[in-house]
Amino acid sequence: MLSIDPEFRDLLPPLTPEEKAGLTELIKRDGCRDAVVYWATEGNPIVDGHHRYDICEAEGTPYPVLGMQFASRSAVIQWIWANQDNRRNLNDSQRSYLRGKLYQETAREQAGRPVGDNGASVAPKGKTRDIVAAETGVSPRTIDADSQFAAAVDSIRDVAPEVAAAARHGDIPRTQAVALADAPKAELKKLAKAKGPKLRKAAKAAADKQASKDKPKQGAAKTDSRLWCEVEALLGKALNRTDELNKQFPHGVLHRHLIADIKNAMNVLKQWKAAVQ
């Protein structure tokens, strides 16, 4: 029995109506020739062939399946990256989103989240962005930008899926998408109603407006750089207190999950600091 993992499914853009109609017609005529690939683990989540799976299930068409072994979720995403990079015409924004998601998952594993079959971290050692940069053939600076873009798209998608889809399609430049992630929900929902050139024009105006809000106004109070140290110290204290909490109220799995999330927050804080200084 196969299952759908929303994160794996959403890593790649959906087919256009024309592409889906063409694939449906091909499967009706020739059957499903390519296997639906799944991760042979609990739930058997699909990692390749979501569209074939949906069409075959709807049409009652038999389809071949192929189970694969992966050490972790980041290993799955890395395989999806390599598989699609060789097979599909992904645009720059789609590649950026996929690299950003690979970075995010690898960062969580690097922070110690249990990901292997035995519950132990199996992520490679080293600086996360350097590892992902080497795996995907880009610079570490590009991976930082990719991570920001992927986080922005996911944030926008929660409010306005149409705008997020436009950003991944490349209709909205990546830098604008990052700015739009902080825009009010009402602004994003308004953007979702625009199409084509109107959407691009409206998105640029909204992104510029949001970016201007984020810039300190002339004559505004000086920034206090000590805030970075204070937040870093709070996260460090939370890390130490979490270990103490686990000693008194032990729960191995949830303890490791919380430690991983705190360390991930530390990484995000470093990116934030680097982005504005």
Protein backbone atom coordinates (compact mmCIF):
# COMPACT_ATOMS: atom_id res chain seq x y z
CA MET A 1 0.00 0.00 0.00
CA LEU A 2 1.49 3.33 -1.09
CA SER A 3 1.00 6.69 0.58
CA ILE A 4 1.44 10.37 -0.23
CA ASP A 5 3.97 12.41 1.73
CA PRO A 6 2.93 16.07 1.14
CA GLU A 7 6.51 17.34 1.41
CA PHE A 8 7.82 14.91 -1.22
CA ARG A 9 4.79 15.55 -3.47
CA ASP A 10 5.14 19.33 -3.27
CA LEU A 11 8.87 19.45 -3.99
CA LEU A 12 8.13 19.56 -7.71
CA PRO A 13 5.63 21.80 -9.51
CA PRO A 14 2.29 20.27 -10.50
CA LEU A 15 1.56 19.48 -14.12
CA THR A 16 -0.27 22.08 -16.14
CA PRO A 17 -3.80 21.06 -17.24
CA GLU A 18 -2.42 20.44 -20.74
CA GLU A 19 0.43 18.27 -19.42
CA LYS A 20 -1.91 16.27 -17.21
CA ALA A 21 -4.36 15.73 -20.09
CA GLY A 22 -1.51 14.53 -22.29
CA LEU A 23 -0.20 12.12 -19.66
CA THR A 24 -3.71 10.79 -19.02
CA GLU A 25 -4.22 10.11 -22.72
CA LEU A 26 -0.83 8.40 -22.96
CA ILE A 27 -1.59 6.12 -20.01
CA LYS A 28 -5.04 5.28 -21.40
CA ARG A 29 -3.48 4.36 -24.75
CA ASP A 30 -0.26 2.60 -23.70
CA GLY A 31 -0.75 1.81 -20.03
CA CYS A 32 1.64 2.95 -17.31
CA ARG A 33 5.13 2.11 -18.56
CA ASP A 34 7.22 3.81 -15.84
CA ALA A 35 7.16 2.52 -12.28
CA VAL A 36 5.81 4.51 -9.36
CA VAL A 37 8.82 4.70 -7.05
CA TYR A 38 8.37 4.59 -3.27
CA TRP A 39 10.58 4.68 -0.19
CA ALA A 40 10.50 1.20 1.33
CA THR A 41 9.83 2.34 4.88
CA GLU A 42 6.80 2.83 7.10
CA GLY A 43 3.84 3.92 4.96
CA ASN A 44 5.73 3.38 1.67
CA PRO A 45 5.60 7.08 0.64
CA ILE A 46 5.86 7.80 -3.08
CA VAL A 47 9.03 9.62 -4.12
CA ASP A 48 8.53 9.62 -7.89
CA GLY A 49 5.43 9.20 -10.04
CA HIS A 50 2.78 11.08 -8.08
CA HIS A 51 0.99 12.11 -11.28
CA ARG A 52 1.11 8.61 -12.74
CA TYR A 53 -0.20 7.25 -9.47
CA ASP A 54 -3.13 9.70 -9.33
CA ILE A 55 -4.11 9.06 -12.94
CA CYS A 56 -3.83 5.27 -12.70
CA GLU A 57 -5.85 5.18 -9.48
CA ALA A 58 -8.54 7.36 -11.05
CA GLU A 59 -8.66 5.35 -14.28
CA GLY A 60 -8.29 1.93 -12.67
CA THR A 61 -5.12 1.31 -14.67
CA PRO A 62 -2.51 -1.14 -13.27
CA TYR A 63 0.92 0.36 -12.66
CA PRO A 64 4.34 -1.08 -11.81
CA VAL A 65 5.96 -0.09 -8.52
CA LEU A 66 9.57 0.04 -7.38
CA GLY A 67 10.66 0.18 -3.74
CA MET A 68 13.95 1.90 -2.89
CA GLN A 69 16.00 2.09 0.29
CA PHE A 70 17.05 5.50 1.63
CA ALA A 71 18.98 6.36 4.78
CA SER A 72 17.00 9.50 5.57
CA ARG A 73 14.49 12.07 4.31
CA SER A 74 17.33 14.28 3.08
CA ALA A 75 18.63 11.29 1.09
CA VAL A 76 15.19 11.02 -0.53
CA ILE A 77 15.20 14.72 -1.44
CA GLN A 78 18.74 14.42 -2.78
CA TRP A 79 17.60 11.51 -4.99
CA ILE A 80 14.58 13.51 -6.18
CA TRP A 81 16.91 16.40 -6.99
CA ALA A 82 19.27 14.22 -9.05
CA ASN A 83 16.43 12.34 -10.73
CA GLN A 84 14.49 15.43 -11.77
CA ASP A 85 17.59 17.45 -12.63
CA ASN A 86 18.47 14.83 -15.23
CA ARG A 87 14.94 14.25 -16.49
CA ARG A 88 12.84 17.40 -16.36
CA ASN A 89 13.22 20.96 -17.57
CA LEU A 90 13.11 22.68 -14.21
CA ASN A 91 13.47 26.45 -14.28
CA ASP A 92 15.84 28.35 -12.00
CA SER A 93 13.16 29.08 -9.39
CA GLN A 94 12.07 25.44 -9.24
CA ARG A 95 15.68 24.32 -8.83
CA SER A 96 16.20 26.93 -6.13
CA TYR A 97 13.15 25.73 -4.20
CA LEU A 98 14.27 22.10 -4.40
CA ARG A 99 17.79 22.95 -3.19
CA GLY A 100 16.33 25.03 -0.38
CA LYS A 101 14.15 22.12 0.80
CA LEU A 102 17.16 19.81 0.64
CA TYR A 103 19.10 22.25 2.80
CA GLN A 104 16.29 22.52 5.35
CA GLU A 105 15.92 18.77 5.76
CA THR A 106 19.68 18.21 5.91
CA ALA A 107 19.97 20.97 8.55
CA ARG A 108 17.36 19.26 10.70
CA GLU A 109 19.22 15.97 10.45
CA GLN A 110 22.57 17.62 11.12
CA ALA A 111 21.05 19.08 14.27
CA GLY A 112 20.52 15.56 15.56
CA ARG A 113 16.99 14.60 14.60
CA PRO A 114 16.72 10.79 14.48
CA VAL A 115 16.22 9.80 10.88
CA GLY A 116 17.61 6.31 10.36
CA ASP A 117 15.79 3.04 10.83
CA ASN A 118 17.52 2.64 14.19
CA GLY A 119 16.55 6.16 15.30
CA ALA A 120 20.08 7.55 15.00
CA SER A 121 21.12 10.53 12.91
CA VAL A 122 22.69 9.46 9.65
CA ALA A 123 23.26 12.91 8.15
CA PRO A 124 26.82 13.59 6.95
CA LYS A 125 29.11 15.63 9.16
CA GLY A 126 30.25 19.12 8.20
CA LYS A 127 28.77 22.54 7.58
CA THR A 128 25.28 21.95 6.22
CA ARG A 129 25.24 24.57 3.48
CA ASP A 130 28.67 23.42 2.24
CA ILE A 131 27.47 19.82 2.07
CA VAL A 132 24.33 20.74 0.12
CA ALA A 133 26.27 23.15 -2.11
CA ALA A 134 28.69 20.37 -3.04
CA GLU A 135 25.85 17.90 -3.65
CA THR A 136 23.98 20.26 -5.96
CA GLY A 137 26.90 22.00 -7.68
CA VAL A 138 26.30 25.57 -6.52
CA SER A 139 27.96 27.95 -4.06
CA PRO A 140 27.20 28.05 -0.31
CA ARG A 141 25.92 31.62 -0.77
CA THR A 142 23.40 30.30 -3.32
CA ILE A 143 22.21 27.69 -0.82
CA ASP A 144 21.56 30.46 1.73
CA ALA A 145 19.41 32.28 -0.83
CA ASP A 146 17.68 29.03 -1.80
CA SER A 147 16.78 28.33 1.82
CA GLN A 148 15.24 31.79 2.20
CA PHE A 149 13.30 31.35 -1.04
CA ALA A 150 11.96 27.90 -0.08
CA ALA A 151 10.87 29.17 3.34
CA ALA A 152 9.18 32.18 1.72
CA VAL A 153 7.30 30.04 -0.82
CA ASP A 154 6.05 27.70 1.91
CA SER A 155 4.93 30.65 4.02
CA ILE A 156 3.11 32.30 1.10
CA ARG A 157 1.48 29.00 0.10
CA ASP A 158 -0.29 28.82 3.46
CA VAL A 159 -2.12 32.06 2.60
CA ALA A 160 -2.13 32.33 -1.19
CA PRO A 161 -1.23 29.11 -3.05
CA GLU A 162 -1.59 30.86 -6.41
CA VAL A 163 1.11 33.39 -5.52
CA ALA A 164 3.43 30.65 -4.23
CA ALA A 165 2.92 28.72 -7.48
CA ALA A 166 3.74 31.83 -9.50
CA ALA A 167 6.95 32.30 -7.51
CA ARG A 168 8.03 28.71 -8.11
CA HIS A 169 7.15 29.04 -11.79
CA GLY A 170 9.43 32.08 -12.02
CA ASP A 171 6.68 34.62 -12.69
CA ILE A 172 7.68 36.39 -9.47
CA PRO A 173 11.44 36.92 -8.96
CA ARG A 174 12.88 35.10 -5.95
CA THR A 175 13.98 38.26 -4.15
CA GLN A 176 10.44 39.60 -4.43
CA ALA A 177 9.01 36.33 -3.12
CA VAL A 178 11.22 36.58 -0.03
CA ALA A 179 9.92 40.11 0.62
CA LEU A 180 6.31 39.02 0.03
CA ALA A 181 6.58 36.35 2.73
CA ASP A 182 6.32 39.15 5.32
CA ALA A 183 3.44 40.95 3.58
CA PRO A 184 0.02 41.10 5.28
CA LYS A 185 -2.33 38.21 4.50
CA ALA A 186 -4.84 40.57 2.93
CA GLU A 187 -2.16 41.80 0.51
CA LEU A 188 -1.26 38.24 -0.51
CA LYS A 189 -4.91 37.26 -1.02
CA LYS A 190 -5.37 40.34 -3.19
CA LEU A 191 -2.34 39.33 -5.27
CA ALA A 192 -3.81 35.85 -5.76
CA LYS A 193 -6.62 37.35 -7.86
CA ALA A 194 -4.21 38.82 -10.42
CA LYS A 195 -2.97 36.88 -13.44
CA GLY A 196 -0.07 37.07 -15.91
CA PRO A 197 1.57 40.50 -16.38
CA LYS A 198 -0.84 42.05 -13.87
CA LEU A 199 0.34 39.61 -11.21
CA ARG A 200 4.00 40.36 -11.92
CA LYS A 201 3.38 44.11 -11.75
CA ALA A 202 1.29 43.85 -8.58
CA ALA A 203 3.80 41.50 -6.95
CA LYS A 204 6.67 43.90 -7.63
CA ALA A 205 4.71 46.81 -6.15
CA ALA A 206 3.77 44.77 -3.06
CA ALA A 207 7.32 43.47 -2.60
CA ASP A 208 8.82 46.96 -2.93
CA LYS A 209 6.29 48.26 -0.44
CA GLN A 210 7.14 45.51 2.04
CA ALA A 211 10.89 45.97 1.55
CA SER A 212 10.56 49.68 2.28
CA LYS A 213 8.75 48.83 5.52
CA ASP A 214 11.60 46.56 6.56
CA LYS A 215 14.22 49.28 6.06
CA PRO A 216 14.92 51.50 9.08
CA LYS A 217 13.54 54.99 8.55
CA GLN A 218 15.85 57.98 8.49
CA GLY A 219 16.17 59.41 11.97
CA ALA A 220 14.82 56.23 13.57
CA ALA A 221 16.34 54.95 16.77
CA LYS A 222 19.68 53.20 16.36
CA THR A 223 19.66 49.44 16.26
CA ASP A 224 20.99 47.54 19.26
CA SER A 225 23.39 44.84 18.09
CA ARG A 226 23.29 43.30 21.56
CA LEU A 227 19.90 41.81 20.65
CA TRP A 228 21.65 39.17 18.55
CA CYS A 229 23.71 38.09 21.55
CA GLU A 230 20.65 38.06 23.79
CA VAL A 231 18.64 35.82 21.44
CA GLU A 232 21.65 33.55 20.90
CA ALA A 233 22.05 33.27 24.67
CA LEU A 234 18.36 32.47 25.12
CA LEU A 235 18.55 29.69 22.55
CA GLY A 236 21.72 28.36 24.18
CA LYS A 237 20.01 28.38 27.56
CA ALA A 238 16.99 26.61 26.07
CA LEU A 239 19.34 23.94 24.70
CA ASN A 240 20.89 23.35 28.12
CA ARG A 241 17.58 23.41 29.97
CA THR A 242 16.10 20.92 27.51
CA ASP A 243 18.80 18.43 28.52
CA GLU A 244 17.93 19.04 32.16
CA LEU A 245 14.23 18.62 31.36
CA ASN A 246 14.93 15.25 29.77
CA LYS A 247 16.80 14.09 32.86
CA GLN A 248 13.77 14.79 35.03
CA PHE A 249 11.07 13.83 32.52
CA PRO A 250 12.83 11.50 30.06
CA HIS A 251 11.50 10.96 26.55
CA GLY A 252 14.32 10.12 24.13
CA VAL A 253 12.54 10.73 20.82
CA LEU A 254 10.80 14.00 21.75
CA HIS A 255 13.95 15.23 23.48
CA ARG A 256 15.96 14.73 20.28
CA HIS A 257 13.24 16.39 18.22
CA LEU A 258 13.22 19.48 20.45
CA ILE A 259 17.03 19.68 20.48
CA ALA A 260 16.99 19.51 16.66
CA ASP A 261 14.42 22.31 16.42
CA ILE A 262 16.39 24.57 18.77
CA LYS A 263 19.60 23.99 16.81
CA ASN A 264 17.72 24.68 13.59
CA ALA A 265 16.51 27.96 15.13
CA MET A 266 20.14 28.81 15.89
CA ASN A 267 21.04 28.24 12.23
CA VAL A 268 18.14 30.43 11.10
CA LEU A 269 19.26 33.19 13.48
CA LYS A 270 22.77 33.07 11.96
CA GLN A 271 21.29 33.40 8.46
CA TRP A 272 19.13 36.32 9.58
CA LYS A 273 22.10 38.09 11.12
CA ALA A 274 24.22 37.54 8.01
CA ALA A 275 21.42 38.76 5.73
CA VAL A 276 20.98 42.15 7.42
CA GLN A 277 24.52 43.00 8.39
